[in-house]
Amino acid sequence: MRNTHATATATEATKACGLSAAPWRHEVRHLVRRIKRMPEIRADKVKHAKWLILTGKLETPARIDETARRIMKELGL
Protein backbone atom coordinates (compact mmCIF):
# COMPACT_ATOMS: atom_id res chain seq x y z
CA MET A 1 0.00 0.00 0.00
CA ARG A 2 1.32 3.42 -0.93
CA ASN A 3 1.85 5.99 1.78
CA THR A 4 0.15 9.01 0.24
CA HIS A 5 1.04 11.26 3.17
CA ALA A 6 4.77 10.60 2.70
CA THR A 7 4.46 11.12 -1.05
CA ALA A 8 2.59 14.38 -0.55
CA THR A 9 5.15 15.56 2.02
CA ALA A 10 8.06 14.74 -0.28
CA THR A 11 6.35 16.51 -3.17
CA GLU A 12 5.65 19.57 -1.02
CA ALA A 13 9.24 19.65 0.21
CA THR A 14 10.54 19.36 -3.34
CA LYS A 15 8.32 22.24 -4.50
CA ALA A 16 9.29 24.34 -1.46
CA CYS A 17 12.94 24.02 -2.46
CA GLY A 18 12.09 25.18 -5.96
CA LEU A 19 12.74 21.80 -7.53
CA SER A 20 10.53 19.77 -9.77
CA ALA A 21 9.59 16.26 -8.69
CA ALA A 22 11.23 14.69 -11.74
CA PRO A 23 14.91 14.71 -10.63
CA TRP A 24 14.49 12.72 -7.42
CA ARG A 25 11.95 10.36 -9.00
CA HIS A 26 14.39 9.68 -11.81
CA GLU A 27 17.10 8.94 -9.25
CA VAL A 28 14.81 6.57 -7.34
CA ARG A 29 13.92 4.70 -10.53
CA HIS A 30 17.60 4.48 -11.42
CA LEU A 31 18.50 3.05 -8.00
CA VAL A 32 15.65 0.53 -8.12
CA ARG A 33 16.84 -0.69 -11.54
CA ARG A 34 20.39 -1.08 -10.21
CA ILE A 35 19.20 -2.98 -7.14
CA LYS A 36 17.14 -5.34 -9.29
CA ARG A 37 20.23 -6.12 -11.40
CA MET A 38 22.34 -6.97 -8.36
CA PRO A 39 22.97 -10.67 -7.98
CA GLU A 40 21.40 -12.42 -5.06
CA ILE A 41 23.80 -13.59 -2.43
CA ARG A 42 23.42 -16.91 -0.79
CA ALA A 43 23.71 -15.95 2.87
CA ASP A 44 24.07 -19.61 3.84
CA LYS A 45 27.07 -20.03 1.51
CA VAL A 46 28.70 -16.84 2.76
CA LYS A 47 28.23 -17.96 6.36
CA HIS A 48 29.67 -21.39 5.56
CA ALA A 49 32.71 -19.89 3.78
CA LYS A 50 33.40 -17.61 6.76
CA TRP A 51 33.17 -20.61 9.08
CA LEU A 52 35.63 -22.57 6.90
CA ILE A 53 38.10 -19.70 6.94
CA LEU A 54 37.82 -19.17 10.70
CA THR A 55 38.26 -22.86 11.47
CA GLY A 56 41.24 -23.17 9.16
CA LYS A 57 39.54 -25.55 6.77
CA LEU A 58 39.74 -23.20 3.80
CA GLU A 59 43.02 -21.77 2.65
CA THR A 60 43.06 -18.15 1.58
CA PRO A 61 45.90 -16.37 -0.25
CA ALA A 62 46.76 -14.50 2.96
CA ARG A 63 46.99 -17.75 4.94
CA ILE A 64 49.13 -19.40 2.27
CA ASP A 65 51.47 -16.37 2.18
CA GLU A 66 51.81 -16.38 5.95
CA THR A 67 52.57 -20.12 6.00
CA ALA A 68 55.20 -19.68 3.27
CA ARG A 69 56.81 -16.80 5.21
CA ARG A 70 56.91 -18.88 8.40
CA ILE A 71 58.50 -21.85 6.62
CA MET A 72 61.09 -19.62 4.95
CA LYS A 73 61.92 -18.02 8.30
CA GLU A 74 62.31 -21.43 9.95
CA LEU A 75 64.63 -22.51 7.12
CA GLY A 76 66.60 -19.28 7.42
CA LEU A 77 65.79 -18.13 3.90
PDB file of N, CA and C in Angstrom:
ATOM      1  N   MET A   1       0.849  -1.188   0.000  1.00  0.00           N
ATOM      2  CA  MET A   1       0.000   0.000   0.000  1.00  0.00           C
ATOM      3  C   MET A   1       0.886   1.241   0.000  1.00  0.00           C
ATOM      4  N   ARG A   2       0.536   2.201  -0.784  1.00  0.00           N
ATOM      5  CA  ARG A   2       1.319   3.418  -0.933  1.00  0.00           C
ATOM      6  C   ARG A   2       0.998   4.403   0.176  1.00  0.00           C
ATOM      7  N   ASN A   3       2.026   5.006   0.729  1.00  0.00           N
ATOM      8  CA  ASN A   3       1.850   5.995   1.782  1.00  0.00           C
ATOM      9  C   ASN A   3       1.667   7.360   1.115  1.00  0.00           C
ATOM     10  N   THR A   4       0.421   7.767   0.955  1.00  0.00           N
ATOM     11  CA  THR A   4       0.147   9.014   0.236  1.00  0.00           C
ATOM     12  C   THR A   4       0.604  10.227   1.028  1.00  0.00           C
ATOM     13  N   HIS A   5       0.589  10.132   2.358  1.00  0.00           N
ATOM     14  CA  HIS A   5       1.044  11.255   3.174  1.00  0.00           C
ATOM     15  C   HIS A   5       2.532  11.518   2.938  1.00  0.00           C
ATOM     16  N   ALA A   6       3.334  10.437   2.926  1.00  0.00           N
ATOM     17  CA  ALA A   6       4.773  10.597   2.700  1.00  0.00           C
ATOM     18  C   ALA A   6       5.040  11.138   1.302  1.00  0.00           C
ATOM     19  N   THR A   7       4.291  10.649   0.327  1.00  0.00           N
ATOM     20  CA  THR A   7       4.457  11.120  -1.046  1.00  0.00           C
ATOM     21  C   THR A   7       4.112  12.594  -1.139  1.00  0.00           C
ATOM     22  N   ALA A   8       3.000  12.978  -0.516  1.00  0.00           N
ATOM     23  CA  ALA A   8       2.587  14.378  -0.546  1.00  0.00           C
ATOM     24  C   ALA A   8       3.628  15.246   0.156  1.00  0.00           C
ATOM     25  N   THR A   9       4.151  14.790   1.279  1.00  0.00           N
ATOM     26  CA  THR A   9       5.147  15.557   2.020  1.00  0.00           C
ATOM     27  C   THR A   9       6.419  15.721   1.199  1.00  0.00           C
ATOM     28  N   ALA A  10       6.857  14.661   0.545  1.00  0.00           N
ATOM     29  CA  ALA A  10       8.058  14.737  -0.280  1.00  0.00           C
ATOM     30  C   ALA A  10       7.837  15.690  -1.450  1.00  0.00           C
ATOM     31  N   THR A  11       6.667  15.630  -2.047  1.00  0.00           N
ATOM     32  CA  THR A  11       6.351  16.513  -3.168  1.00  0.00           C
ATOM     33  C   THR A  11       6.322  17.963  -2.704  1.00  0.00           C
ATOM     34  N   GLU A  12       5.696  18.207  -1.558  1.00  0.00           N
ATOM     35  CA  GLU A  12       5.646  19.573  -1.020  1.00  0.00           C
ATOM     36  C   GLU A  12       7.044  20.083  -0.704  1.00  0.00           C
ATOM     37  N   ALA A  13       7.879  19.246  -0.120  1.00  0.00           N
ATOM     38  CA  ALA A  13       9.245  19.650   0.212  1.00  0.00           C
ATOM     39  C   ALA A  13      10.034  19.957  -1.051  1.00  0.00           C
ATOM     40  N   THR A  14       9.847  19.137  -2.073  1.00  0.00           N
ATOM     41  CA  THR A  14      10.536  19.361  -3.340  1.00  0.00           C
ATOM     42  C   THR A  14      10.125  20.687  -3.943  1.00  0.00           C
ATOM     43  N   LYS A  15       8.817  20.976  -3.944  1.00  0.00           N
ATOM     44  CA  LYS A  15       8.324  22.236  -4.500  1.00  0.00           C
ATOM     45  C   LYS A  15       8.810  23.421  -3.673  1.00  0.00           C
ATOM     46  N   ALA A  16       8.852  23.253  -2.334  1.00  0.00           N
ATOM     47  CA  ALA A  16       9.286  24.342  -1.465  1.00  0.00           C
ATOM     48  C   ALA A  16      10.735  24.718  -1.728  1.00  0.00           C
ATOM     49  N   CYS A  17      11.533  23.767  -2.150  1.00  0.00           N
ATOM     50  CA  CYS A  17      12.942  24.024  -2.457  1.00  0.00           C
ATOM     51  C   CYS A  17      13.117  24.565  -3.872  1.00  0.00           C
ATOM     52  N   GLY A  18      12.018  24.680  -4.603  1.00  0.00           N
ATOM     53  CA  GLY A  18      12.091  25.184  -5.961  1.00  0.00           C
ATOM     54  C   GLY A  18      12.502  24.132  -6.974  1.00  0.00           C
ATOM     55  N   LEU A  19      12.367  22.874  -6.618  1.00  0.00           N
ATOM     56  CA  LEU A  19      12.736  21.797  -7.532  1.00  0.00           C
ATOM     57  C   LEU A  19      11.494  21.140  -8.089  1.00  0.00           C
ATOM     58  N   SER A  20      11.639  20.558  -9.249  1.00  0.00           N
ATOM     59  CA  SER A  20      10.531  19.771  -9.769  1.00  0.00           C
ATOM     60  C   SER A  20      10.650  18.370  -9.201  1.00  0.00           C
ATOM     61  N   ALA A  21       9.583  17.612  -9.251  1.00  0.00           N
ATOM     62  CA  ALA A  21       9.587  16.256  -8.695  1.00  0.00           C
ATOM     63  C   ALA A  21      10.392  15.294  -9.554  1.00  0.00           C
ATOM     64  N   ALA A  22      10.583  15.619 -10.820  1.00  0.00           N
ATOM     65  CA  ALA A  22      11.228  14.686 -11.745  1.00  0.00           C
ATOM     66  C   ALA A  22      12.638  14.255 -11.343  1.00  0.00           C
ATOM     67  N   PRO A  23      13.536  15.159 -10.905  1.00  0.00           N
ATOM     68  CA  PRO A  23      14.906  14.712 -10.625  1.00  0.00           C
ATOM     69  C   PRO A  23      15.000  13.607  -9.573  1.00  0.00           C
ATOM     70  N   TRP A  24      14.351  13.756  -8.453  1.00  0.00           N
ATOM     71  CA  TRP A  24      14.489  12.716  -7.419  1.00  0.00           C
ATOM     72  C   TRP A  24      13.743  11.454  -7.805  1.00  0.00           C
ATOM     73  N   ARG A  25      12.653  11.563  -8.550  1.00  0.00           N
ATOM     74  CA  ARG A  25      11.953  10.359  -9.000  1.00  0.00           C
ATOM     75  C   ARG A  25      12.805   9.589  -9.995  1.00  0.00           C
ATOM     76  N   HIS A  26      13.493  10.321 -10.857  1.00  0.00           N
ATOM     77  CA  HIS A  26      14.395   9.681 -11.808  1.00  0.00           C
ATOM     78  C   HIS A  26      15.491   8.934 -11.057  1.00  0.00           C
ATOM     79  N   GLU A  27      16.043   9.565 -10.035  1.00  0.00           N
ATOM     80  CA  GLU A  27      17.104   8.937  -9.249  1.00  0.00           C
ATOM     81  C   GLU A  27      16.594   7.676  -8.542  1.00  0.00           C
ATOM     82  N   VAL A  28      15.395   7.731  -8.001  1.00  0.00           N
ATOM     83  CA  VAL A  28      14.810   6.566  -7.338  1.00  0.00           C
ATOM     84  C   VAL A  28      14.627   5.427  -8.340  1.00  0.00           C
ATOM     85  N   ARG A  29      14.097   5.736  -9.511  1.00  0.00           N
ATOM     86  CA  ARG A  29      13.920   4.698 -10.532  1.00  0.00           C
ATOM     87  C   ARG A  29      15.263   4.090 -10.926  1.00  0.00           C
ATOM     88  N   HIS A  30      16.267   4.944 -11.072  1.00  0.00           N
ATOM     89  CA  HIS A  30      17.600   4.484 -11.423  1.00  0.00           C
ATOM     90  C   HIS A  30      18.144   3.532 -10.353  1.00  0.00           C
ATOM     91  N   LEU A  31      18.012   3.900  -9.087  1.00  0.00           N
ATOM     92  CA  LEU A  31      18.501   3.053  -7.998  1.00  0.00           C
ATOM     93  C   LEU A  31      17.740   1.734  -7.925  1.00  0.00           C
ATOM     94  N   VAL A  32      16.445   1.762  -8.137  1.00  0.00           N
ATOM     95  CA  VAL A  32      15.647   0.534  -8.121  1.00  0.00           C
ATOM     96  C   VAL A  32      16.103  -0.403  -9.231  1.00  0.00           C
ATOM     97  N   ARG A  33      16.345   0.143 -10.423  1.00  0.00           N
ATOM     98  CA  ARG A  33      16.836  -0.692 -11.536  1.00  0.00           C
ATOM     99  C   ARG A  33      18.178  -1.322 -11.192  1.00  0.00           C
ATOM    100  N   ARG A  34      19.069  -0.543 -10.582  1.00  0.00           N
ATOM    101  CA  ARG A  34      20.388  -1.078 -10.213  1.00  0.00           C
ATOM    102  C   ARG A  34      20.265  -2.169  -9.157  1.00  0.00           C
ATOM    103  N   ILE A  35      19.393  -1.977  -8.194  1.00  0.00           N
ATOM    104  CA  ILE A  35      19.198  -2.978  -7.145  1.00  0.00           C
ATOM    105  C   ILE A  35      18.653  -4.266  -7.740  1.00  0.00           C
ATOM    106  N   LYS A  36      17.722  -4.145  -8.671  1.00  0.00           N
ATOM    107  CA  LYS A  36      17.144  -5.339  -9.287  1.00  0.00           C
ATOM    108  C   LYS A  36      18.178  -6.124 -10.084  1.00  0.00           C
ATOM    109  N   ARG A  37      19.193  -5.431 -10.620  1.00  0.00           N
ATOM    110  CA  ARG A  37      20.233  -6.115 -11.402  1.00  0.00           C
ATOM    111  C   ARG A  37      21.294  -6.761 -10.527  1.00  0.00           C
ATOM    112  N   MET A  38      21.328  -6.412  -9.254  1.00  0.00           N
ATOM    113  CA  MET A  38      22.337  -6.972  -8.362  1.00  0.00           C
ATOM    114  C   MET A  38      22.093  -8.467  -8.181  1.00  0.00           C
ATOM    115  N   PRO A  39      23.161  -9.235  -8.184  1.00  0.00           N
ATOM    116  CA  PRO A  39      22.972 -10.670  -7.984  1.00  0.00           C
ATOM    117  C   PRO A  39      22.566 -10.962  -6.545  1.00  0.00           C
ATOM    118  N   GLU A  40      21.772 -12.002  -6.405  1.00  0.00           N
ATOM    119  CA  GLU A  40      21.402 -12.416  -5.058  1.00  0.00           C
ATOM    120  C   GLU A  40      22.612 -13.067  -4.415  1.00  0.00           C
ATOM    121  N   ILE A  41      22.752 -12.867  -3.114  1.00  0.00           N
ATOM    122  CA  ILE A  41      23.801 -13.595  -2.428  1.00  0.00           C
ATOM    123  C   ILE A  41      23.158 -14.735  -1.677  1.00  0.00           C
ATOM    124  N   ARG A  42      23.900 -15.776  -1.547  1.00  0.00           N
ATOM    125  CA  ARG A  42      23.422 -16.913  -0.793  1.00  0.00           C
ATOM    126  C   ARG A  42      24.006 -16.777   0.601  1.00  0.00           C
ATOM    127  N   ALA A  43      23.237 -16.211   1.512  1.00  0.00           N
ATOM    128  CA  ALA A  43      23.715 -15.953   2.870  1.00  0.00           C
ATOM    129  C   ALA A  43      24.244 -17.219   3.514  1.00  0.00           C
ATOM    130  N   ASP A  44      23.610 -18.362   3.233  1.00  0.00           N
ATOM    131  CA  ASP A  44      24.072 -19.609   3.836  1.00  0.00           C
ATOM    132  C   ASP A  44      25.465 -19.978   3.329  1.00  0.00           C
ATOM    133  N   LYS A  45      25.746 -19.726   2.049  1.00  0.00           N
ATOM    134  CA  LYS A  45      27.074 -20.031   1.508  1.00  0.00           C
ATOM    135  C   LYS A  45      28.129 -19.076   2.053  1.00  0.00           C
ATOM    136  N   VAL A  46      27.771 -17.816   2.195  1.00  0.00           N
ATOM    137  CA  VAL A  46      28.702 -16.840   2.761  1.00  0.00           C
ATOM    138  C   VAL A  46      29.038 -17.225   4.201  1.00  0.00           C
ATOM    139  N   LYS A  47      28.026 -17.568   4.966  1.00  0.00           N
ATOM    140  CA  LYS A  47      28.230 -17.957   6.357  1.00  0.00           C
ATOM    141  C   LYS A  47      29.121 -19.198   6.437  1.00  0.00           C
ATOM    142  N   HIS A  48      28.886 -20.167   5.562  1.00  0.00           N
ATOM    143  CA  HIS A  48      29.675 -21.392   5.558  1.00  0.00           C
ATOM    144  C   HIS A  48      31.133 -21.098   5.184  1.00  0.00           C
ATOM    145  N   ALA A  49      31.345 -20.251   4.188  1.00  0.00           N
ATOM    146  CA  ALA A  49      32.711 -19.890   3.779  1.00  0.00           C
ATOM    147  C   ALA A  49      33.445 -19.189   4.915  1.00  0.00           C
ATOM    148  N   LYS A  50      32.772 -18.291   5.619  1.00  0.00           N
ATOM    149  CA  LYS A  50      33.397 -17.612   6.763  1.00  0.00           C
ATOM    150  C   LYS A  50      33.782 -18.623   7.832  1.00  0.00           C
ATOM    151  N   TRP A  51      32.895 -19.585   8.070  1.00  0.00           N
ATOM    152  CA  TRP A  51      33.171 -20.613   9.079  1.00  0.00           C
ATOM    153  C   TRP A  51      34.392 -21.437   8.664  1.00  0.00           C
ATOM    154  N   LEU A  52      34.479 -21.807   7.382  1.00  0.00           N
ATOM    155  CA  LEU A  52      35.625 -22.574   6.899  1.00  0.00           C
ATOM    156  C   LEU A  52      36.927 -21.806   7.082  1.00  0.00           C
ATOM    157  N   ILE A  53      36.905 -20.521   6.781  1.00  0.00           N
ATOM    158  CA  ILE A  53      38.101 -19.696   6.936  1.00  0.00           C
ATOM    159  C   ILE A  53      38.496 -19.602   8.405  1.00  0.00           C
ATOM    160  N   LEU A  54      37.522 -19.326   9.272  1.00  0.00           N
ATOM    161  CA  LEU A  54      37.816 -19.173  10.698  1.00  0.00           C
ATOM    162  C   LEU A  54      38.320 -20.461  11.342  1.00  0.00           C
ATOM    163  N   THR A  55      37.846 -21.583  10.882  1.00  0.00           N
ATOM    164  CA  THR A  55      38.260 -22.863  11.473  1.00  0.00           C
ATOM    165  C   THR A  55      39.506 -23.432  10.799  1.00  0.00           C
ATOM    166  N   GLY A  56      40.024 -22.723   9.812  1.00  0.00           N
ATOM    167  CA  GLY A  56      41.243 -23.173   9.162  1.00  0.00           C
ATOM    168  C   GLY A  56      41.042 -24.274   8.133  1.00  0.00           C
ATOM    169  N   LYS A  57      39.827 -24.491   7.729  1.00  0.00           N
ATOM    170  CA  LYS A  57      39.539 -25.552   6.766  1.00  0.00           C
ATOM    171  C   LYS A  57      39.521 -25.047   5.327  1.00  0.00           C
ATOM    172  N   LEU A  58      39.703 -23.770   5.144  1.00  0.00           N
ATOM    173  CA  LEU A  58      39.743 -23.196   3.803  1.00  0.00           C
ATOM    174  C   LEU A  58      40.955 -22.289   3.723  1.00  0.00           C
ATOM    175  N   GLU A  59      41.808 -22.576   2.798  1.00  0.00           N
ATOM    176  CA  GLU A  59      43.019 -21.768   2.652  1.00  0.00           C
ATOM    177  C   GLU A  59      42.720 -20.524   1.825  1.00  0.00           C
ATOM    178  N   THR A  60      43.194 -19.408   2.306  1.00  0.00           N
ATOM    179  CA  THR A  60      43.060 -18.147   1.582  1.00  0.00           C
ATOM    180  C   THR A  60      44.457 -17.712   1.149  1.00  0.00           C
ATOM    181  N   PRO A  61      44.572 -16.844   0.166  1.00  0.00           N
ATOM    182  CA  PRO A  61      45.902 -16.373  -0.252  1.00  0.00           C
ATOM    183  C   PRO A  61      46.704 -15.803   0.916  1.00  0.00           C
ATOM    184  N   ALA A  62      46.060 -15.086   1.812  1.00  0.00           N
ATOM    185  CA  ALA A  62      46.765 -14.500   2.956  1.00  0.00           C
ATOM    186  C   ALA A  62      47.316 -15.600   3.867  1.00  0.00           C
ATOM    187  N   ARG A  63      46.530 -16.645   4.090  1.00  0.00           N
ATOM    188  CA  ARG A  63      46.990 -17.748   4.942  1.00  0.00           C
ATOM    189  C   ARG A  63      48.144 -18.488   4.289  1.00  0.00           C
ATOM    190  N   ILE A  64      48.055 -18.700   2.992  1.00  0.00           N
ATOM    191  CA  ILE A  64      49.127 -19.396   2.272  1.00  0.00           C
ATOM    192  C   ILE A  64      50.408 -18.572   2.324  1.00  0.00           C
ATOM    193  N   ASP A  65      50.305 -17.248   2.105  1.00  0.00           N
ATOM    194  CA  ASP A  65      51.472 -16.369   2.176  1.00  0.00           C
ATOM    195  C   ASP A  65      52.111 -16.412   3.561  1.00  0.00           C
ATOM    196  N   GLU A  66      51.298 -16.353   4.587  1.00  0.00           N
ATOM    197  CA  GLU A  66      51.815 -16.382   5.953  1.00  0.00           C
ATOM    198  C   GLU A  66      52.513 -17.713   6.243  1.00  0.00           C
ATOM    199  N   THR A  67      51.947 -18.806   5.800  1.00  0.00           N
ATOM    200  CA  THR A  67      52.566 -20.116   5.998  1.00  0.00           C
ATOM    201  C   THR A  67      53.906 -20.187   5.272  1.00  0.00           C
ATOM    202  N   ALA A  68      53.945 -19.688   4.038  1.00  0.00           N
ATOM    203  CA  ALA A  68      55.201 -19.684   3.274  1.00  0.00           C
ATOM    204  C   ALA A  68      56.253 -18.836   3.968  1.00  0.00           C
ATOM    205  N   ARG A  69      55.872 -17.668   4.490  1.00  0.00           N
ATOM    206  CA  ARG A  69      56.814 -16.805   5.215  1.00  0.00           C
ATOM    207  C   ARG A  69      57.371 -17.520   6.448  1.00  0.00           C
ATOM    208  N   ARG A  70      56.487 -18.177   7.179  1.00  0.00           N
ATOM    209  CA  ARG A  70      56.906 -18.881   8.400  1.00  0.00           C
ATOM    210  C   ARG A  70      57.890 -20.006   8.075  1.00  0.00           C
ATOM    211  N   ILE A  71      57.601 -20.766   7.030  1.00  0.00           N
ATOM    212  CA  ILE A  71      58.497 -21.852   6.624  1.00  0.00           C
ATOM    213  C   ILE A  71      59.849 -21.306   6.197  1.00  0.00           C
ATOM    214  N   MET A  72      59.834 -20.226   5.401  1.00  0.00           N
ATOM    215  CA  MET A  72      61.089 -19.619   4.950  1.00  0.00           C
ATOM    216  C   MET A  72      61.909 -19.101   6.135  1.00  0.00           C
ATOM    217  N   LYS A  73      61.228 -18.540   7.106  1.00  0.00           N
ATOM    218  CA  LYS A  73      61.924 -18.022   8.296  1.00  0.00           C
ATOM    219  C   LYS A  73      62.541 -19.179   9.073  1.00  0.00           C
ATOM    220  N   GLU A  74      61.788 -20.269   9.235  1.00  0.00           N
ATOM    221  CA  GLU A  74      62.306 -21.433   9.945  1.00  0.00           C
ATOM    222  C   GLU A  74      63.512 -22.036   9.227  1.00  0.00           C
ATOM    223  N   LEU A  75      63.519 -21.973   7.904  1.00  0.00           N
ATOM    224  CA  LEU A  75      64.630 -22.507   7.122  1.00  0.00           C
ATOM    225  C   LEU A  75      65.790 -21.517   6.987  1.00  0.00           C
ATOM    226  N   GLY A  76      65.555 -20.308   7.482  1.00  0.00           N
ATOM    227  CA  GLY A  76      66.603 -19.284   7.416  1.00  0.00           C
ATOM    228  C   GLY A  76      66.761 -18.682   6.041  1.00  0.00           C
ATOM    229  N   LEU A  77      65.723 -18.696   5.258  1.00  0.00           N
ATOM    230  CA  LEU A  77      65.795 -18.135   3.900  1.00  0.00           C
ATOM    231  C   LEU A  77      65.221 -16.736   3.836  1.00  0.00           C
TER     232      LEU A  77
END
